[in-house]
């Protein structure tokens, strides 16, 4: 109606890009925003470039043919109506496709969320697996340390037990040796004292006998000699008794020390039994740890 004609790409009945022949027959390459109707005078193209003469002539011919085609199409009302229906169907199809595209986009978004959740879950499971491996490693290291500590405790208990037994045996042996030595010394001293007492008594007896024979005529002298002999015997007997008492005291002391040695040995035996029990308990704990492993 205004002497202009457009030939090119349309979208939703609006021109997009193509060529325009104005009312003077000049051909331009134009682009539109897609929201205009070329029939509206006030709406201008976004870009407008005048084409060269050959292109203008070619387009003019094409435009004339296109215009004739439009005029022929306008004369065919049924075809136009059918075309309108087809356009409506196409529009409806476009809306359906648009709706499907939106649904597909939504599905893609949900799929992305699922993928992200799956990735997060994979990371979580991976972290849990790493934690499980770490816990297993730490458990194995802890068990190894426990076994090592138990073995060291057993070795230490065995060593302390052996040392305690050796110490107890040495203490007992020293006490017994000391008691035997003191007892032997006391017996030897008692025997020596008894021998000396007997020797003195024999000597004094001989002297008394000689004096008695020499002074046989003197009854008083005999009585004195007899009394002296009796006194000497009494003294010898007292010394022998004292020596015997000393031996008995030495034996009592030795017996007392022997009892103390036996007591110490019993205490050491108790300590040994306690150490053995600790050793058995440690071995039992080690078996329990090994069984759990």
Foldseek 3Di string as FASTA:
>chain_A
DQQKDFDDDADPQFFAWGWMQHNVLWIWTFGAPRPDHVVDPVDDTPDIGTDDDVVSVVVSVVRVVVVVVVVVCVVPVVVVVVVVVVVVVVVVVVVVVVVVVVVVVVVVVVVVVVVVVVVVVVVVVVVVVVVVVVVVVVVVVVLVVLLVVLVVLLVVLVVVLVVLLVVLVVLLVVLLVVLVVLLVVLVVVLVVQLVVLVVVLVVLLVVLVVQCVVVVVDVVSNVVSVVSSVVSVVVSVVSNVVSVVSSVVSNVVSVVSNVVSVVSSVVSVVVSVVSVVVSVVSVVVSVVSVVVD
